[in-house]
């Protein structure tokens, strides 16, 4: 392997490392939200008046530990993203891949600012955008990691991803998954706990039609149990989230059926995608049965993110190795003078 090949291999390895640490950051953020510790450190960018990186270890106690560690990991991911963009600038010959690195830097900066504003402005809505941008940012990192792999760069993976007609299905499913994650983030950042405590039914019905009188009784019991009162809107939002899970399961089954005659990479990816969704639905039910236990809820968030990332990677590979992409590449090559 020549020096240039070695440099690109190292860039790929570093991109995978950046994705991995960013996923740890997502887990950390999910744990902070699941435990209700998002405002444990009330100032930003400092921590209780200290420089974030000089905050005394003696004060890393209780909820402060989780929130402060999340901030430190976020700072590390930001630096790693900048270094990744620099590495791409120095070693990556494809302009579009370098541009993706620059977009990643912009995304991680905006993400950090949103996280800080969520603290200083005390706005739950910013927490939703903060969480969803995190998913989009890591998706971008995954595309960069795939694009810098040897199998992709040399076209060696092309034969594994031949699947005419499945690109639109993969895009639609990935978009629906992102929408489902947004619904989940909205529910989580309302900090109202579970609006529905039973599953698979809801208040003993398939779809609860709660009257004002019934809601008063429900909230009376919630207050007595030390819970935050809920609303009809929150109940319906959780029902939409559940319904989307059923719809996605059905559509994923169709996708696996359609992929049964596709290339080997597509077939395997479709089955793993469905397996992750089944695990996610199980964790969703467990989240209800455990009354939103922090570890179960965080696992639910993590697997949901993995489903999105799996979809993004499939869309990228299906699009890059589609017959149409190959045709455009040949036409472009013909336009370049010898």
Protein backbone atom coordinates (compact mmCIF):
# COMPACT_ATOMS: atom_id res chain seq x y z
CA UNK A 1 0.00 0.00 0.00
CA UNK A 2 1.43 3.40 -0.98
CA UNK A 3 1.54 6.48 1.24
CA UNK A 4 -1.58 7.97 -0.35
CA UNK A 5 -3.54 4.77 0.24
CA UNK A 6 -2.38 4.65 3.83
CA UNK A 7 -3.49 8.24 4.40
CA UNK A 8 -6.98 7.53 3.10
CA UNK A 9 -7.22 4.36 5.20
CA UNK A 10 -6.32 6.39 8.29
CA UNK A 11 -8.96 9.00 7.39
CA UNK A 12 -11.57 6.25 7.16
CA UNK A 13 -10.53 4.80 10.53
CA UNK A 14 -10.69 8.26 12.09
CA UNK A 15 -14.14 8.88 10.56
CA UNK A 16 -15.40 5.62 12.12
CA UNK A 17 -13.91 6.67 15.47
CA UNK A 18 -15.65 10.06 15.23
CA UNK A 19 -18.98 8.38 14.51
CA UNK A 20 -18.48 6.06 17.49
CA UNK A 21 -17.70 8.87 19.94
CA UNK A 22 -20.61 10.92 18.57
CA UNK A 23 -22.91 7.97 19.26
CA UNK A 24 -21.60 7.82 22.82
CA UNK A 25 -22.47 11.52 23.05
CA UNK A 26 -26.00 10.75 21.87
CA UNK A 27 -26.30 8.06 24.55
CA UNK A 28 -25.04 10.52 27.15
CA UNK A 29 -27.60 13.12 26.09
CA UNK A 30 -30.36 10.51 26.13
CA UNK A 31 -29.41 9.49 29.66
CA UNK A 32 -29.40 13.11 30.84
CA UNK A 33 -32.90 13.64 29.43
CA UNK A 34 -34.21 10.27 30.68
CA UNK A 35 -33.06 11.07 34.20
CA UNK A 36 -34.47 14.61 34.01
CA UNK A 37 -31.05 16.18 34.61
CA UNK A 38 -30.96 18.63 31.70
CA UNK A 39 -30.78 21.74 33.92
CA UNK A 40 -28.53 20.34 36.65
CA UNK A 41 -25.77 22.73 35.56
CA UNK A 42 -27.69 26.02 35.14
CA UNK A 43 -25.07 28.12 33.33
CA UNK A 44 -23.28 27.87 29.97
CA UNK A 45 -20.58 27.84 28.62
CA UNK A 46 -19.25 27.81 32.18
CA UNK A 47 -20.21 25.28 34.84
CA UNK A 48 -21.25 26.97 38.09
CA UNK A 49 -19.00 29.88 37.16
CA UNK A 50 -15.96 27.71 36.45
CA UNK A 51 -14.36 27.22 33.07
CA UNK A 52 -15.96 24.00 31.82
CA UNK A 53 -12.59 22.24 31.56
CA UNK A 54 -11.46 23.39 35.01
CA UNK A 55 -14.59 22.42 36.93
CA UNK A 56 -13.39 20.75 40.19
CA UNK A 57 -13.70 16.98 40.31
CA UNK A 58 -15.02 17.27 43.85
CA UNK A 59 -18.21 18.81 42.45
CA UNK A 60 -18.87 16.05 39.91
CA UNK A 61 -21.62 14.56 42.08
CA UNK A 62 -25.21 13.44 41.52
CA UNK A 63 -26.91 14.82 38.44
CA UNK A 64 -24.08 17.31 37.89
CA UNK A 65 -21.83 14.40 36.92
CA UNK A 66 -24.08 13.30 34.04
CA UNK A 67 -24.67 16.80 32.68
CA UNK A 68 -21.03 17.90 32.97
CA UNK A 69 -19.68 14.71 31.38
CA UNK A 70 -22.14 15.22 28.51
CA UNK A 71 -20.72 18.70 27.93
CA UNK A 72 -17.15 17.42 27.97
CA UNK A 73 -17.92 14.64 25.49
CA UNK A 74 -19.67 17.21 23.27
CA UNK A 75 -16.57 19.42 23.32
CA UNK A 76 -14.43 16.43 22.36
CA UNK A 77 -16.75 15.50 19.49
CA UNK A 78 -16.61 19.08 18.23
CA UNK A 79 -12.81 18.99 18.13
CA UNK A 80 -12.81 15.57 16.49
CA UNK A 81 -15.15 16.86 13.77
CA UNK A 82 -12.84 19.79 13.04
CA UNK A 83 -9.88 17.41 12.78
CA UNK A 84 -11.90 15.14 10.50
CA UNK A 85 -12.62 18.05 8.16
CA UNK A 86 -8.90 18.93 8.13
CA UNK A 87 -7.98 15.32 7.39
CA UNK A 88 -10.42 15.24 4.48
CA UNK A 89 -9.05 18.53 3.18
CA UNK A 90 -5.50 17.12 3.19
CA UNK A 91 -6.06 13.51 2.03
CA UNK A 92 -9.42 13.24 0.25
CA UNK A 93 -9.33 13.91 -3.53
CA UNK A 94 -13.12 14.01 -3.99
CA UNK A 95 -14.45 17.52 -3.50
CA UNK A 96 -17.95 16.44 -2.48
CA UNK A 97 -16.58 14.37 0.40
CA UNK A 98 -14.48 17.32 1.60
CA UNK A 99 -17.58 19.53 1.45
CA UNK A 100 -19.46 17.02 3.62
CA UNK A 101 -16.69 17.44 6.20
CA UNK A 102 -17.19 21.21 6.21
CA UNK A 103 -20.95 20.74 6.64
CA UNK A 104 -20.26 18.45 9.59
CA UNK A 105 -18.23 21.18 11.28
CA UNK A 106 -21.05 23.70 10.74
CA UNK A 107 -23.60 21.21 12.10
CA UNK A 108 -21.63 20.43 15.26
CA UNK A 109 -21.16 24.15 15.97
CA UNK A 110 -24.89 24.83 15.61
CA UNK A 111 -25.58 21.77 17.74
CA UNK A 112 -23.35 23.07 20.53
CA UNK A 113 -24.96 26.50 20.44
CA UNK A 114 -28.45 24.97 20.57
CA UNK A 115 -27.42 22.91 23.58
CA UNK A 116 -26.15 26.02 25.32
CA UNK A 117 -29.23 28.08 24.48
CA UNK A 118 -31.42 25.27 25.80
CA UNK A 119 -29.77 25.90 29.18
CA UNK A 120 -29.66 29.69 29.18
CA UNK A 121 -33.12 30.25 27.68
CA UNK A 122 -34.79 27.28 29.44
CA UNK A 123 -36.79 26.33 26.35
CA UNK A 124 -37.90 22.71 25.95
CA UNK A 125 -38.55 23.36 22.25
CA UNK A 126 -34.82 23.95 21.74
CA UNK A 127 -34.20 20.58 23.37
CA UNK A 128 -36.26 18.95 20.60
CA UNK A 129 -34.29 20.69 17.85
CA UNK A 130 -31.05 19.91 19.70
CA UNK A 131 -31.88 16.21 19.75
CA UNK A 132 -33.02 16.04 16.13
CA UNK A 133 -29.99 17.95 14.84
CA UNK A 134 -27.82 15.46 16.71
CA UNK A 135 -29.43 12.64 14.72
CA UNK A 136 -28.89 14.50 11.43
CA UNK A 137 -25.28 15.36 12.33
CA UNK A 138 -24.36 11.75 13.12
CA UNK A 139 -26.12 10.66 9.92
CA UNK A 140 -23.80 13.01 8.04
CA UNK A 141 -20.77 11.52 9.79
CA UNK A 142 -21.95 8.04 8.78
CA UNK A 143 -22.16 9.10 5.14
CA UNK A 144 -18.60 10.45 5.39
CA UNK A 145 -17.39 7.20 6.98
CA UNK A 146 -19.01 5.09 4.26
CA UNK A 147 -17.71 7.38 1.50
CA UNK A 148 -14.12 7.15 2.78
CA UNK A 149 -14.15 3.34 3.00
CA UNK A 150 -12.03 1.49 0.45
CA UNK A 151 -14.97 -0.64 -0.71
CA UNK A 152 -16.96 2.48 -1.59
CA UNK A 153 -14.14 4.59 -2.98
CA UNK A 154 -12.97 1.83 -5.35
CA UNK A 155 -16.46 0.67 -6.26
CA UNK A 156 -15.80 -2.76 -4.83
CA UNK A 157 -19.13 -2.76 -2.98
CA UNK A 158 -21.18 -1.98 -6.09
CA UNK A 159 -22.28 -5.56 -6.76
CA UNK A 160 -23.69 -5.87 -3.23
CA UNK A 161 -26.04 -2.89 -3.62
CA UNK A 162 -27.78 -3.43 -6.94
CA UNK A 163 -31.49 -3.03 -6.18
CA UNK A 164 -33.52 -1.24 -8.89
CA UNK A 165 -36.74 0.23 -7.53
CA UNK A 166 -35.84 0.13 -3.83
CA UNK A 167 -34.25 3.56 -3.55
CA UNK A 168 -37.57 5.36 -3.13
CA UNK A 169 -38.70 2.83 -0.55
CA UNK A 170 -35.53 3.28 1.48
CA UNK A 171 -35.82 7.09 1.32
CA UNK A 172 -39.48 7.05 2.34
CA UNK A 173 -38.88 4.67 5.24
CA UNK A 174 -35.88 6.65 6.49
CA UNK A 175 -37.93 9.85 6.34
CA UNK A 176 -40.74 8.22 8.33
CA UNK A 177 -38.23 6.96 10.90
CA UNK A 178 -36.90 10.51 11.32
CA UNK A 179 -40.46 11.77 11.79
CA UNK A 180 -41.08 9.06 14.38
CA UNK A 181 -37.93 10.10 16.25
CA UNK A 182 -39.15 13.71 16.19
CA UNK A 183 -42.45 12.61 17.75
CA UNK A 184 -40.53 10.72 20.42
CA UNK A 185 -38.31 13.72 21.12
CA UNK A 186 -41.38 15.94 21.47
CA UNK A 187 -42.89 13.52 23.99
CA UNK A 188 -39.62 13.26 25.95
CA UNK A 189 -39.02 17.00 26.16
CA UNK A 190 -42.48 17.76 27.48
CA UNK A 191 -41.20 16.28 30.79
CA UNK A 192 -44.73 15.11 31.54
CA UNK A 193 -43.85 11.47 32.09
CA UNK A 194 -46.06 8.81 30.56
CA UNK A 195 -49.45 10.11 29.52
CA UNK A 196 -50.60 6.48 29.05
CA UNK A 197 -49.53 3.81 31.53
CA UNK A 198 -50.89 0.69 29.82
CA UNK A 199 -49.84 -1.12 26.65
CA UNK A 200 -50.87 -2.39 24.11
CA UNK A 201 -54.21 -0.82 25.05
CA UNK A 202 -54.51 2.78 26.26
CA UNK A 203 -56.75 3.34 29.27
CA UNK A 204 -58.27 -0.01 28.33
CA UNK A 205 -59.18 1.11 24.79
CA UNK A 206 -57.62 0.82 21.33
CA UNK A 207 -57.72 4.62 21.04
CA UNK A 208 -58.82 6.50 24.17
CA UNK A 209 -61.46 9.20 23.69
CA UNK A 210 -60.86 11.06 26.94
CA UNK A 211 -63.52 13.52 28.06
CA UNK A 212 -62.86 16.52 30.28
CA UNK A 213 -64.37 14.65 33.23
CA UNK A 214 -62.20 11.58 32.60
CA UNK A 215 -59.10 13.77 32.24
CA UNK A 216 -59.82 15.38 35.61
CA UNK A 217 -60.00 11.94 37.22
CA UNK A 218 -56.79 10.84 35.46
CA UNK A 219 -54.89 13.94 36.56
CA UNK A 220 -56.19 13.63 40.08
CA UNK A 221 -54.67 10.15 40.27
CA UNK A 222 -51.44 11.39 38.67
CA UNK A 223 -51.06 14.23 41.15
CA UNK A 224 -51.72 11.85 44.03
CA UNK A 225 -48.94 9.62 42.68
CA UNK A 226 -46.54 12.56 42.39
CA UNK A 227 -46.77 12.78 38.61
CA UNK A 228 -47.18 15.82 36.37
CA UNK A 229 -50.72 16.30 35.00
CA UNK A 230 -51.23 15.35 31.36
CA UNK A 231 -53.44 16.75 28.59
CA UNK A 232 -55.64 15.31 25.86
CA UNK A 233 -53.07 16.57 23.33
CA UNK A 234 -50.25 14.66 25.04
CA UNK A 235 -52.35 11.49 25.15
CA UNK A 236 -53.12 11.74 21.44
CA UNK A 237 -49.46 12.51 20.64
CA UNK A 238 -48.39 9.29 22.35
CA UNK A 239 -51.10 7.41 20.45
CA UNK A 240 -49.81 8.83 17.14
CA UNK A 241 -46.32 7.66 18.16
CA UNK A 242 -47.66 4.15 18.81
CA UNK A 243 -49.62 4.09 15.56
CA UNK A 244 -46.54 5.14 13.62
CA UNK A 245 -44.67 2.18 15.13
CA UNK A 246 -47.33 -0.19 13.77
CA UNK A 247 -47.26 1.48 10.34
CA UNK A 248 -43.46 1.33 10.20
CA UNK A 249 -43.46 -2.35 11.13
CA UNK A 250 -45.84 -3.13 8.26
CA UNK A 251 -43.84 -1.06 5.78
CA UNK A 252 -40.54 -2.62 6.88
CA UNK A 253 -42.02 -6.08 6.26
CA UNK A 254 -42.98 -4.99 2.75
CA UNK A 255 -39.46 -3.61 2.19
CA UNK A 256 -37.88 -6.90 3.26
CA UNK A 257 -40.21 -8.75 0.87
CA UNK A 258 -39.32 -6.43 -1.99
CA UNK A 259 -35.60 -6.82 -1.24
CA UNK A 260 -35.70 -10.62 -1.29
CA UNK A 261 -34.38 -10.76 -4.88
CA UNK A 262 -32.02 -7.79 -4.62
CA UNK A 263 -28.24 -8.00 -4.27
CA UNK A 264 -26.85 -9.65 -1.15
CA UNK A 265 -25.98 -6.40 0.62
CA UNK A 266 -29.51 -5.06 0.22
CA UNK A 267 -31.11 -8.31 1.38
CA UNK A 268 -29.00 -8.50 4.52
CA UNK A 269 -29.40 -4.82 5.31
CA UNK A 270 -33.19 -4.99 4.96
CA UNK A 271 -33.37 -7.91 7.40
CA UNK A 272 -31.10 -6.25 9.96
CA UNK A 273 -33.16 -3.07 9.61
CA UNK A 274 -36.34 -5.01 10.40
CA UNK A 275 -34.62 -6.77 13.33
CA UNK A 276 -33.63 -3.41 14.82
CA UNK A 277 -37.21 -2.18 14.44
CA UNK A 278 -38.55 -5.24 16.28
CA UNK A 279 -36.09 -4.58 19.11
CA UNK A 280 -37.19 -0.93 19.12
CA UNK A 281 -40.90 -1.78 19.37
CA UNK A 282 -40.11 -4.16 22.23
CA UNK A 283 -38.15 -1.44 24.02
CA UNK A 284 -41.03 0.98 23.46
CA UNK A 285 -43.42 -1.42 25.19
CA UNK A 286 -40.86 -2.00 27.97
CA UNK A 287 -40.56 1.76 28.42
CA UNK A 288 -44.28 1.90 29.22
CA UNK A 289 -44.27 -1.19 31.45
CA UNK A 290 -41.22 0.10 33.39
CA UNK A 291 -42.77 3.58 33.80
CA UNK A 292 -39.99 5.14 31.72
CA UNK A 293 -37.04 3.63 33.57
CA UNK A 294 -34.01 5.72 32.58
CA UNK A 295 -31.90 2.84 31.26
CA UNK A 296 -34.75 1.33 29.21
CA UNK A 297 -35.77 4.72 27.83
CA UNK A 298 -32.18 5.53 26.86
CA UNK A 299 -31.87 2.16 25.12
CA UNK A 300 -35.10 2.98 23.25
CA UNK A 301 -33.56 6.28 22.10
CA UNK A 302 -30.30 4.58 21.09
CA UNK A 303 -31.91 1.84 19.00
CA UNK A 304 -34.19 4.40 17.35
CA UNK A 305 -31.09 6.34 16.32
CA UNK A 306 -29.46 3.16 14.99
CA UNK A 307 -32.53 2.50 12.82
CA UNK A 308 -32.20 6.00 11.35
CA UNK A 309 -28.46 5.62 10.76
CA UNK A 310 -28.98 2.23 9.14
CA UNK A 311 -31.52 3.79 6.81
CA UNK A 312 -29.26 6.72 5.93
CA UNK A 313 -26.40 4.36 5.07
CA UNK A 314 -28.69 2.23 2.89
CA UNK A 315 -30.06 5.26 1.06
CA UNK A 316 -26.55 6.53 0.39
CA UNK A 317 -25.30 3.19 -0.91
CA UNK A 318 -28.41 2.49 -3.01
CA UNK A 319 -28.20 5.96 -4.53
CA UNK A 320 -24.46 5.91 -5.15
CA UNK A 321 -24.49 2.45 -6.78
CA UNK A 322 -27.78 2.76 -8.66
CA UNK A 323 -27.83 2.26 -12.46
CA UNK A 324 -28.73 5.95 -12.85
CA UNK A 325 -25.68 7.03 -10.83
CA UNK A 326 -23.44 4.80 -12.93
CA UNK A 327 -24.87 6.30 -16.13
CA UNK A 328 -24.27 9.86 -14.89
CA UNK A 329 -20.71 8.93 -13.98
CA UNK A 330 -20.06 7.58 -17.50
CA UNK A 331 -21.58 10.68 -19.09
CA UNK A 332 -19.41 12.91 -16.93
CA UNK A 333 -16.30 10.93 -17.85
CA UNK A 334 -17.11 11.36 -21.56
CA UNK A 335 -17.27 15.16 -21.12
CA UNK A 336 -13.76 15.31 -19.64
CA UNK A 337 -11.18 15.87 -22.43
CA UNK A 338 -8.51 13.17 -22.74
